[in-house]
Amino acid sequence: MAQVLEFKLPDLGEGLTEAEIVRWLVQVGDVVAVDQPVVEVETAKAMVEVPCPYGGVVTARYGEEGTELPVGSPLLTVAVGAPASGAPDFGAADLGPSAFDAPTAGARAAGGEDEGSGNVLVGYGTQAPSARRRRVRPPAPGAAPGHRSPGPSSGAARAVATAPAPAAGGSVDAGRRADGPVPVISPLVRRLARENGLDLRELAGSGPDGLITRADVEHAVRAGASAPALARPERSPAAAPVPATTRASGTAAPRPGTRVPLRGIRGAVADKLSRSRREIPDATCWVDADATALMHARAAMNEAGGSKISLLALLARICTAALARFPELNSTVDMEAREVVRLDEVHLGFAAQTERGLVVPVVKGAHTRDAESLSAEFARLTEAARTGTLTPADLTGGTFTLNNYGVFGVDGSTPIINHPEAAMLGVGRIVPKPWVHEGELAVRRVVQLSLTFDHRVCDGGTAGGFLRYVADCVEQPAVLLRTL
């Protein structure tokens, strides 16, 4: 009889805790090979094809397209060969939450060699699991020998599998954590448990080393609502969670209107911008600059032959030169250590509007690139943003952001800093305007430049000096020759 292995949504890196199923690449009954992509998911960073670490027949899928799943929750189950001689015949629900966390575990359980998957995502790969993580949970008290719990589609059954046995001494996990804080995957898990009156010490985590995930709490909540045997501790009515509509408006009646979930990229943008406003004491300064000479210089460079130089690349080159003169703005703040960390490298982010929302790809090592190299990298990342193929690495690690909102036909803005960076330069549209040039009124190509900066890293003098240098380079590109 084939052994059924459960494949869970792996940790996709960069602190991501959930992903939305965009498209299933396999159907129930399909035969899959090791490392074959089985589902396409969208995270707050990018779209990713997730490969399956097992080879066999797909027996179940969990979640329809459009469903959002937390990291560690089941994606699908795969039936692989016959179990090794003498091995117990476990069903999918009998497998412990971390019995097959690594791909090699599936191969070993099927009696194969330690070959494993060669395709590694953050959180799982070809490394064999440690002995203490390869455990199988005992059957529920009173269960007959050979009894198997219902499949993983039953929330109550999964909660039973993760809840400790009510022995007098408590479970092993609960006893081990009795004297310290319970490890959880994120503060959201702790808040969710508190709002539903759950004691985290009563749960067995399905994450690495017993880490409690959001899925564990949600399973326990669902089981508590449907299974009397898993009733939650009694709470007074005053301790019951208050509906969001009641907290917001003082009434339990929901407000009319269309509700749009804040998830995926939209949710990530909301979280990051809210955190920026909450934590960073920002200030903004701006200046108008005559960009006529810069536009003429760009036209001359492109007429000279070779790869075309974009205006964004010239502005980026000006930014890196300005950051070399004012390194305070290429930094981050460590409030725990009460230190400003000035960064040695410039990884330049730029705002890109796509059909999926606003993303900020990052040009790594921008301070080492010339205008031609910057143009090529901007073009590559912009195309990847439009097609949804940016990787998490393309979207993280920025130290300074350049925001060209002039493409939307606006002159100015007060940019919100891309936390945890210390500054952002905003560039408005370049349009003909009346301008005093060489003592006479003339029509010139004028642009508004806005700098939002973290007032903790510097004062207005430094920010003004940075912005004035950028404006000088825009008005007189020859100023850049001093730094080349």
Protein backbone atom coordinates (compact mmCIF):
# COMPACT_ATOMS: atom_id res chain seq x y z
CA MET A 1 0.00 0.00 0.00
CA ALA A 2 1.30 3.44 -0.94
CA GLN A 3 2.31 5.85 1.78
CA VAL A 4 0.56 9.22 1.77
CA LEU A 5 2.82 12.20 2.49
CA GLU A 6 1.60 15.69 3.23
CA PHE A 7 3.39 18.61 1.58
CA LYS A 8 3.00 21.92 3.42
CA LEU A 9 3.41 25.46 2.13
CA PRO A 10 7.12 26.12 2.76
CA ASP A 11 8.70 29.22 4.22
CA LEU A 12 9.25 31.44 1.17
CA GLY A 13 11.72 33.69 2.95
CA GLU A 14 11.96 37.41 3.80
CA GLY A 15 9.63 37.08 6.78
CA LEU A 16 6.64 36.10 4.64
CA THR A 17 4.00 34.25 6.66
CA GLU A 18 1.30 33.61 4.04
CA ALA A 19 0.69 33.24 0.33
CA GLU A 20 -2.32 33.23 -1.99
CA ILE A 21 -2.95 30.34 -4.37
CA VAL A 22 -2.98 31.83 -7.88
CA ARG A 23 -3.05 28.71 -10.04
CA TRP A 24 -2.85 24.98 -9.46
CA LEU A 25 -0.45 23.28 -11.88
CA VAL A 26 -1.60 19.72 -11.06
CA GLN A 27 -4.91 17.94 -10.54
CA VAL A 28 -5.87 15.20 -8.11
CA GLY A 29 -4.77 11.93 -9.70
CA ASP A 30 -1.82 13.45 -11.59
CA VAL A 31 1.59 11.83 -11.30
CA VAL A 32 4.25 14.29 -10.14
CA ALA A 33 8.03 14.01 -10.10
CA VAL A 34 10.42 15.28 -7.46
CA ASP A 35 10.92 19.05 -7.84
CA GLN A 36 8.01 19.42 -10.25
CA PRO A 37 6.17 22.75 -9.75
CA VAL A 38 2.68 21.98 -8.43
CA VAL A 39 1.21 25.38 -7.58
CA GLU A 40 1.78 29.05 -8.32
CA VAL A 41 1.40 31.30 -5.29
CA GLU A 42 1.51 35.05 -4.80
CA THR A 43 3.17 36.51 -1.74
CA ALA A 44 3.51 40.08 -0.65
CA LYS A 45 6.79 40.13 -2.56
CA ALA A 46 6.36 38.17 -5.78
CA MET A 47 4.74 35.26 -7.60
CA VAL A 48 6.48 31.94 -7.00
CA GLU A 49 6.12 28.44 -8.43
CA VAL A 50 6.37 25.96 -5.57
CA PRO A 51 8.02 22.59 -6.39
CA CYS A 52 6.94 19.40 -4.66
CA PRO A 53 9.70 17.50 -2.84
CA TYR A 54 7.95 14.14 -3.34
CA GLY A 55 7.35 11.97 -6.38
CA GLY A 56 4.07 10.08 -6.65
CA VAL A 57 0.34 10.51 -7.25
CA VAL A 58 -1.53 13.61 -6.03
CA THR A 59 -4.32 12.42 -3.73
CA ALA A 60 -5.67 15.74 -2.41
CA ARG A 61 -5.30 19.49 -2.79
CA TYR A 62 -6.04 22.01 -0.06
CA GLY A 63 -7.34 25.43 -1.00
CA GLU A 64 -9.03 26.76 -4.11
CA GLU A 65 -7.44 29.33 -6.38
CA GLY A 66 -7.69 32.70 -4.62
CA THR A 67 -7.41 31.15 -1.15
CA GLU A 68 -4.78 32.60 1.20
CA LEU A 69 -2.82 30.04 3.21
CA PRO A 70 -0.36 30.56 6.08
CA VAL A 71 3.12 29.09 5.89
CA GLY A 72 3.08 25.56 7.27
CA SER A 73 -0.49 24.72 6.25
CA PRO A 74 -1.11 21.71 3.95
CA LEU A 75 -0.87 22.26 0.19
CA LEU A 76 -1.43 18.72 -1.09
CA THR A 77 -0.88 15.06 -0.29
CA VAL A 78 1.09 12.66 -2.46
CA ALA A 79 0.96 8.86 -2.44
CA VAL A 80 4.47 7.51 -2.89
CA GLY A 81 5.47 3.83 -3.39
CA ALA A 82 4.90 1.08 -0.87
CA PRO A 83 6.04 1.68 2.72
CA ALA A 84 9.25 0.13 3.88
CA SER A 85 9.06 -3.38 5.29
CA GLY A 86 7.82 -3.33 8.86
CA ALA A 87 6.87 0.36 8.73
CA PRO A 88 3.47 1.29 10.16
CA ASP A 89 0.76 2.22 7.67
CA PHE A 90 -0.07 5.80 8.55
CA GLY A 91 -2.71 7.90 6.89
CA ALA A 92 -2.09 11.52 6.01
CA ALA A 93 -3.60 12.77 9.26
CA ASP A 94 -1.46 10.36 11.31
CA LEU A 95 1.77 11.96 10.15
CA GLY A 96 3.18 14.31 12.76
CA PRO A 97 3.33 17.96 11.76
CA SER A 98 7.09 17.79 11.34
CA ALA A 99 7.53 14.16 10.39
CA PHE A 100 8.30 15.03 6.77
CA ASP A 101 9.46 18.66 6.90
CA ALA A 102 12.40 17.97 4.60
CA PRO A 103 12.22 16.31 1.17
CA THR A 104 14.63 13.54 2.13
CA ALA A 105 12.26 12.42 4.85
CA GLY A 106 9.74 11.38 2.19
CA ALA A 107 12.38 9.34 0.40
CA ARG A 108 13.47 7.63 3.59
CA ALA A 109 9.94 6.87 4.66
CA ALA A 110 9.35 5.19 1.32
CA GLY A 111 12.42 3.06 1.81
CA GLY A 112 14.58 5.04 -0.65
CA GLU A 113 18.08 6.38 -0.29
CA ASP A 114 18.93 9.85 0.97
CA GLU A 115 18.63 11.45 -2.46
CA GLY A 116 16.17 14.25 -1.72
CA SER A 117 15.12 17.20 -3.81
CA GLY A 118 17.72 19.36 -5.42
CA ASN A 119 15.37 22.34 -5.60
CA VAL A 120 15.55 24.33 -2.40
CA LEU A 121 13.16 27.00 -1.16
CA VAL A 122 13.76 28.77 2.13
CA GLY A 123 12.47 26.53 4.89
CA TYR A 124 12.93 23.16 3.18
CA GLY A 125 15.51 21.52 1.02
CA THR A 126 17.77 18.54 0.67
CA GLN A 127 19.06 18.46 4.23
CA ALA A 128 17.86 15.52 6.29
CA PRO A 129 15.76 16.39 9.35
CA SER A 130 17.16 15.97 12.82
CA ALA A 131 16.11 12.92 14.82
CA ARG A 132 14.06 14.88 17.33
CA ARG A 133 11.90 16.38 14.58
CA ARG A 134 11.07 13.03 13.00
CA ARG A 135 8.42 12.07 15.45
CA VAL A 136 4.97 10.54 15.06
CA ARG A 137 2.28 11.69 17.43
CA PRO A 138 0.60 8.97 19.47
CA PRO A 139 -3.08 8.16 18.82
CA ALA A 140 -5.71 9.96 20.86
CA PRO A 141 -6.44 8.45 24.30
CA GLY A 142 -8.87 5.56 24.05
CA ALA A 143 -8.35 5.05 20.30
CA ALA A 144 -8.29 1.46 19.15
CA PRO A 145 -5.02 0.06 17.77
CA GLY A 146 -4.67 0.79 14.07
CA HIS A 147 -7.24 3.62 14.35
CA ARG A 148 -6.68 6.48 11.94
CA SER A 149 -7.96 10.00 12.34
CA PRO A 150 -10.00 11.63 9.59
CA GLY A 151 -8.14 13.29 6.73
CA PRO A 152 -6.54 16.72 7.00
CA SER A 153 -9.66 18.37 5.61
CA SER A 154 -11.29 18.03 9.02
CA GLY A 155 -10.38 21.04 11.16
CA ALA A 156 -11.55 19.31 14.36
CA ALA A 157 -9.50 16.21 13.64
CA ARG A 158 -6.38 18.29 12.96
CA ALA A 159 -6.89 20.16 16.22
CA VAL A 160 -7.19 16.84 18.05
CA ALA A 161 -3.90 15.77 16.50
CA THR A 162 -2.15 18.95 17.63
CA ALA A 163 -3.74 19.27 21.07
CA PRO A 164 -1.89 17.59 23.97
CA ALA A 165 -3.35 14.65 25.84
CA PRO A 166 -4.99 15.78 29.10
CA ALA A 167 -2.65 13.74 31.27
CA ALA A 168 -2.03 14.80 34.86
CA GLY A 169 1.51 15.90 34.11
CA GLY A 170 0.59 17.71 30.90
CA SER A 171 2.10 17.13 27.47
CA VAL A 172 5.80 17.03 26.83
CA ASP A 173 5.70 20.28 24.85
CA ALA A 174 3.60 22.06 27.48
CA GLY A 175 5.88 20.88 30.27
CA ARG A 176 8.94 21.97 28.36
CA ARG A 177 7.54 25.49 27.89
CA ALA A 178 5.95 25.84 31.34
CA ASP A 179 8.62 28.19 32.68
CA GLY A 180 9.12 30.44 29.66
CA PRO A 181 7.31 32.19 26.79
CA VAL A 182 5.63 29.99 24.20
CA PRO A 183 7.46 30.21 20.84
CA VAL A 184 5.18 31.43 18.04
CA ILE A 185 5.88 32.20 14.38
CA SER A 186 4.68 35.83 14.61
CA PRO A 187 2.96 38.26 17.02
CA LEU A 188 -0.20 37.77 14.96
CA VAL A 189 -0.42 34.21 16.28
CA ARG A 190 -0.23 35.38 19.89
CA ARG A 191 -2.91 38.01 19.33
CA LEU A 192 -5.20 35.54 17.55
CA ALA A 193 -4.92 33.12 20.45
CA ARG A 194 -5.59 35.87 22.99
CA GLU A 195 -8.69 37.11 21.15
CA ASN A 196 -10.12 33.59 21.05
CA GLY A 197 -9.28 32.74 24.65
CA LEU A 198 -6.76 30.00 23.77
CA ASP A 199 -3.87 29.07 26.03
CA LEU A 200 -0.85 28.63 23.74
CA ARG A 201 0.66 26.19 26.25
CA GLU A 202 -2.18 23.81 25.45
CA LEU A 203 -1.18 23.58 21.76
CA ALA A 204 1.52 21.55 20.07
CA GLY A 205 3.11 23.59 17.29
CA SER A 206 3.51 22.20 13.79
CA GLY A 207 6.36 24.54 12.90
CA PRO A 208 10.10 23.84 13.20
CA ASP A 209 11.05 22.68 16.70
CA GLY A 210 7.44 22.92 17.87
CA LEU A 211 6.92 26.55 16.77
CA ILE A 212 3.21 27.43 16.92
CA THR A 213 1.83 28.74 13.62
CA ARG A 214 -1.36 30.57 12.77
CA ALA A 215 -2.72 27.35 11.27
CA ASP A 216 -2.36 25.63 14.66
CA VAL A 217 -4.39 28.33 16.40
CA GLU A 218 -7.06 28.44 13.69
CA HIS A 219 -7.46 24.67 13.77
CA ALA A 220 -7.89 24.78 17.54
CA VAL A 221 -10.45 27.58 17.25
CA ARG A 222 -12.49 25.67 14.68
CA ALA A 223 -12.31 22.52 16.75
CA GLY A 224 -13.42 24.39 19.85
CA ALA A 225 -16.49 25.64 18.00
CA SER A 226 -17.48 22.17 16.75
CA ALA A 227 -16.13 19.64 19.26
CA PRO A 228 -17.41 19.81 22.90
CA ALA A 229 -14.47 17.70 24.04
CA LEU A 230 -12.13 20.52 23.07
CA ALA A 231 -14.14 23.28 24.75
CA ARG A 232 -12.14 26.40 25.46
CA PRO A 233 -11.77 27.78 28.98
CA GLU A 234 -14.79 29.76 30.09
CA ARG A 235 -14.49 33.49 29.73
CA SER A 236 -16.59 36.30 31.00
CA PRO A 237 -18.63 38.19 28.42
CA ALA A 238 -16.43 41.23 28.94
CA ALA A 239 -13.41 39.29 27.69
CA ALA A 240 -15.04 38.28 24.40
CA PRO A 241 -13.41 39.80 21.31
CA VAL A 242 -15.24 42.84 20.04
CA PRO A 243 -16.17 42.82 16.33
CA ALA A 244 -14.13 45.18 14.17
CA THR A 245 -17.23 47.12 13.18
CA THR A 246 -18.09 47.69 16.84
CA ARG A 247 -14.62 48.94 17.66
CA ALA A 248 -14.56 51.24 14.65
CA SER A 249 -18.01 52.80 14.85
CA GLY A 250 -19.42 51.93 18.29
CA THR A 251 -22.20 49.82 16.79
CA ALA A 252 -22.45 46.18 15.84
CA ALA A 253 -24.22 46.99 12.57
CA PRO A 254 -21.78 46.66 9.63
CA ARG A 255 -21.36 49.72 7.50
CA PRO A 256 -22.63 49.45 3.90
CA GLY A 257 -20.05 49.27 1.15
CA THR A 258 -17.74 46.95 -0.73
CA ARG A 259 -15.02 45.31 1.35
CA VAL A 260 -11.69 44.69 -0.38
CA PRO A 261 -9.28 42.39 1.51
CA LEU A 262 -5.88 43.90 2.30
CA ARG A 263 -3.72 41.00 1.22
CA GLY A 264 -0.95 40.20 -1.18
CA ILE A 265 0.92 43.23 -2.47
CA ARG A 266 -1.83 45.63 -1.35
CA GLY A 267 -1.62 44.29 2.19
CA ALA A 268 2.18 44.46 2.22
CA VAL A 269 2.11 48.08 1.03
CA ALA A 270 -0.45 48.96 3.71
CA ASP A 271 1.65 47.35 6.45
CA LYS A 272 4.91 48.95 5.34
CA LEU A 273 3.52 52.46 4.86
CA SER A 274 1.66 52.32 8.18
CA ARG A 275 4.84 51.23 9.92
CA SER A 276 6.78 54.04 8.25
CA ARG A 277 4.32 56.67 9.43
CA ARG A 278 4.19 55.11 12.90
CA GLU A 279 7.93 54.79 13.51
CA ILE A 280 9.74 57.39 11.39
CA PRO A 281 9.65 61.12 12.26
CA ASP A 282 9.88 62.29 8.67
CA ALA A 283 10.18 65.73 7.13
CA THR A 284 10.00 66.88 3.51
CA CYS A 285 11.80 69.60 1.58
CA TRP A 286 11.49 70.40 -2.10
CA VAL A 287 12.92 72.61 -4.83
CA ASP A 288 12.20 73.44 -8.47
CA ALA A 289 15.03 72.83 -10.92
CA ASP A 290 15.65 73.71 -14.55
CA ALA A 291 16.12 70.33 -16.26
CA THR A 292 16.65 71.72 -19.76
CA ALA A 293 20.40 71.03 -19.77
CA LEU A 294 19.86 67.50 -18.45
CA MET A 295 17.39 66.72 -21.23
CA HIS A 296 19.82 68.09 -23.84
CA ALA A 297 22.66 66.01 -22.35
CA ARG A 298 20.55 62.84 -22.49
CA ALA A 299 19.60 63.50 -26.13
CA ALA A 300 23.27 64.01 -27.05
CA MET A 301 24.30 60.78 -25.30
CA ASN A 302 21.66 58.77 -27.15
CA GLU A 303 22.54 60.35 -30.51
CA ALA A 304 26.17 59.31 -30.00
CA GLY A 305 25.19 55.65 -30.44
CA GLY A 306 25.21 52.65 -28.18
CA SER A 307 22.53 51.62 -25.71
CA LYS A 308 19.87 54.18 -24.94
CA ILE A 309 20.21 55.97 -21.63
CA SER A 310 16.97 56.47 -19.69
CA LEU A 311 16.17 59.61 -17.75
CA LEU A 312 15.65 57.46 -14.64
CA ALA A 313 19.21 56.14 -15.01
CA LEU A 314 20.62 59.68 -15.12
CA LEU A 315 18.63 60.63 -12.02
CA ALA A 316 19.85 57.46 -10.30
CA ARG A 317 23.45 58.33 -11.17
CA ILE A 318 22.92 61.77 -9.67
CA CYS A 319 21.46 60.18 -6.52
CA THR A 320 24.43 57.88 -5.98
CA ALA A 321 26.81 60.82 -6.38
CA ALA A 322 24.78 62.84 -3.87
CA LEU A 323 24.72 59.94 -1.38
CA ALA A 324 28.51 59.73 -1.58
CA ARG A 325 28.62 63.37 -0.40
CA PHE A 326 25.83 62.97 2.16
CA PRO A 327 26.10 59.36 3.48
CA GLU A 328 23.74 60.11 6.39
CA LEU A 329 20.82 59.57 4.03
CA ASN A 330 22.01 56.09 3.03
CA SER A 331 21.43 54.63 6.47
CA THR A 332 18.97 52.96 8.80
CA VAL A 333 18.11 53.44 12.48
CA ASP A 334 18.57 50.73 15.12
CA MET A 335 16.41 51.99 17.99
CA GLU A 336 17.20 49.02 20.24
CA ALA A 337 20.89 49.89 20.13
CA ARG A 338 20.07 53.60 19.72
CA GLU A 339 22.41 53.84 16.74
CA VAL A 340 22.29 55.17 13.20
CA VAL A 341 23.83 52.59 10.88
CA ARG A 342 25.44 54.20 7.84
CA LEU A 343 25.53 51.68 5.02
CA ASP A 344 28.57 51.14 2.82
CA GLU A 345 26.69 50.16 -0.35
CA VAL A 346 23.86 51.87 -2.22
CA HIS A 347 21.06 49.49 -3.22
CA LEU A 348 18.70 51.80 -5.05
CA GLY A 349 14.98 51.02 -5.04
CA PHE A 350 12.62 52.59 -7.56
CA ALA A 351 8.84 52.68 -7.43
CA ALA A 352 7.09 50.78 -10.24
CA GLN A 353 3.33 50.73 -10.73
CA THR A 354 2.01 47.42 -12.08
CA GLU A 355 -1.38 45.79 -12.59
CA ARG A 356 -0.79 43.94 -9.31
CA GLY A 357 -0.03 47.14 -7.44
CA LEU A 358 2.97 49.21 -6.40
CA VAL A 359 6.28 47.37 -6.13
CA VAL A 360 9.79 48.65 -5.41
CA PRO A 361 12.46 46.63 -7.26
CA VAL A 362 16.01 47.20 -6.06
CA VAL A 363 19.12 47.83 -8.18
CA LYS A 364 21.90 46.21 -6.18
CA GLY A 365 25.25 47.98 -6.07
CA ALA A 366 23.91 51.09 -7.82
CA HIS A 367 26.93 53.11 -6.65
CA THR A 368 29.22 50.93 -8.79
CA ARG A 369 27.18 51.27 -12.02
CA ASP A 370 27.40 53.83 -14.79
CA ALA A 371 24.40 55.29 -16.62
CA GLU A 372 24.39 52.56 -19.26
CA SER A 373 24.46 49.74 -16.69
CA LEU A 374 21.74 51.45 -14.65
CA SER A 375 19.54 51.78 -17.76
CA ALA A 376 19.88 48.07 -18.52
CA GLU A 377 19.07 47.03 -14.95
CA PHE A 378 16.08 49.37 -14.72
CA ALA A 379 14.74 47.90 -17.97
CA ARG A 380 15.18 44.32 -16.73
CA LEU A 381 13.51 44.90 -13.38
CA THR A 382 10.67 46.93 -14.90
CA GLU A 383 9.85 44.14 -17.35
CA ALA A 384 9.96 41.58 -14.55
CA ALA A 385 7.61 43.76 -12.49
CA ARG A 386 5.12 43.97 -15.36
CA THR A 387 5.14 40.22 -15.92
CA GLY A 388 5.01 39.38 -12.21
CA THR A 389 8.31 37.48 -12.26
CA LEU A 390 10.23 39.53 -9.70
CA THR A 391 11.87 37.38 -7.05
CA PRO A 392 11.93 38.24 -3.33
CA ALA A 393 15.62 39.09 -3.75
CA ASP A 394 14.70 41.68 -6.41
CA LEU A 395 12.35 43.40 -3.97
CA THR A 396 14.40 43.54 -0.78
CA GLY A 397 17.58 45.06 0.55
CA GLY A 398 17.06 48.64 -0.62
CA THR A 399 18.93 51.46 1.15
CA PHE A 400 17.47 54.49 -0.71
CA THR A 401 14.45 54.88 -2.99
CA LEU A 402 13.92 56.98 -6.12
CA ASN A 403 10.26 57.66 -6.89
CA ASN A 404 9.44 59.09 -10.33
CA TYR A 405 5.78 59.97 -9.87
CA GLY A 406 6.01 62.43 -12.74
CA VAL A 407 4.88 59.59 -15.04
CA PHE A 408 1.41 60.05 -13.50
CA GLY A 409 1.29 63.64 -14.70
CA VAL A 410 1.76 65.29 -11.30
CA ASP A 411 4.29 67.94 -10.27
CA GLY A 412 4.93 67.18 -6.63
CA SER A 413 4.29 64.92 -3.68
CA THR A 414 5.39 64.20 -0.12
CA PRO A 415 6.84 60.68 -0.42
CA ILE A 416 6.47 58.19 2.42
CA ILE A 417 9.81 56.62 3.32
CA ASN A 418 10.23 52.97 2.42
CA HIS A 419 10.88 51.57 5.92
CA PRO A 420 13.57 50.89 7.18
CA GLU A 421 15.36 53.28 4.81
CA ALA A 422 16.12 56.85 5.83
CA ALA A 423 15.10 58.87 2.76
CA MET A 424 13.29 58.93 -0.58
CA LEU A 425 13.71 61.31 -3.51
CA GLY A 426 10.55 62.13 -5.46
CA VAL A 427 10.65 63.46 -9.02
CA GLY A 428 7.70 65.22 -10.64
CA ARG A 429 6.93 65.68 -14.31
CA ILE A 430 9.30 67.74 -16.47
CA VAL A 431 7.21 70.38 -18.23
CA PRO A 432 7.82 73.71 -20.02
CA LYS A 433 7.38 76.63 -17.60
CA PRO A 434 8.30 80.31 -17.43
CA TRP A 435 11.75 80.55 -15.84
CA VAL A 436 14.32 83.28 -15.32
CA HIS A 437 17.36 82.09 -17.25
CA GLU A 438 20.53 84.20 -17.44
CA GLY A 439 18.62 87.25 -16.27
CA GLU A 440 15.78 86.93 -18.76
CA LEU A 441 12.37 85.30 -18.71
CA ALA A 442 12.36 82.16 -20.85
CA VAL A 443 10.46 78.92 -21.32
CA ARG A 444 12.48 76.12 -19.74
CA ARG A 445 11.93 72.43 -18.85
CA VAL A 446 11.24 72.55 -15.10
CA VAL A 447 10.96 69.69 -12.58
CA GLN A 448 10.05 69.65 -8.90
CA LEU A 449 12.27 67.51 -6.65
CA SER A 450 11.04 66.40 -3.21
CA LEU A 451 13.12 64.76 -0.49
CA THR A 452 11.48 63.07 2.49
CA PHE A 453 14.02 62.13 5.16
CA ASP A 454 14.17 60.56 8.60
CA HIS A 455 14.87 63.42 10.99
CA ARG A 456 16.64 61.01 13.35
CA VAL A 457 19.55 60.48 10.95
CA CYS A 458 20.19 64.12 10.08
CA ASP A 459 18.91 67.67 10.36
CA GLY A 460 17.58 70.02 7.69
CA GLY A 461 21.03 71.27 6.74
CA THR A 462 22.14 67.84 5.54
CA ALA A 463 18.85 67.14 3.77
CA GLY A 464 18.91 70.57 2.13
CA GLY A 465 22.50 70.08 1.05
CA PHE A 466 21.65 66.74 -0.55
CA LEU A 467 18.65 68.15 -2.41
CA ARG A 468 20.55 71.24 -3.54
CA TYR A 469 23.36 69.09 -4.95
CA VAL A 470 20.83 66.96 -6.85
CA ALA A 471 19.20 70.11 -8.25
CA ASP A 472 22.59 71.52 -9.29
CA CYS A 473 23.41 68.31 -11.17
CA VAL A 474 20.02 68.43 -12.91
CA GLU A 475 20.57 72.05 -13.94
CA GLN A 476 24.24 71.60 -14.82
CA PRO A 477 25.09 67.94 -15.59
CA ALA A 478 28.76 68.90 -15.86
CA VAL A 479 28.79 69.09 -12.04
CA LEU A 480 28.77 65.29 -12.10
CA LEU A 481 32.18 65.24 -13.83
CA ARG A 482 33.76 66.07 -10.50
CA THR A 483 32.67 62.72 -9.08
CA LEU A 484 33.37 60.51 -12.15
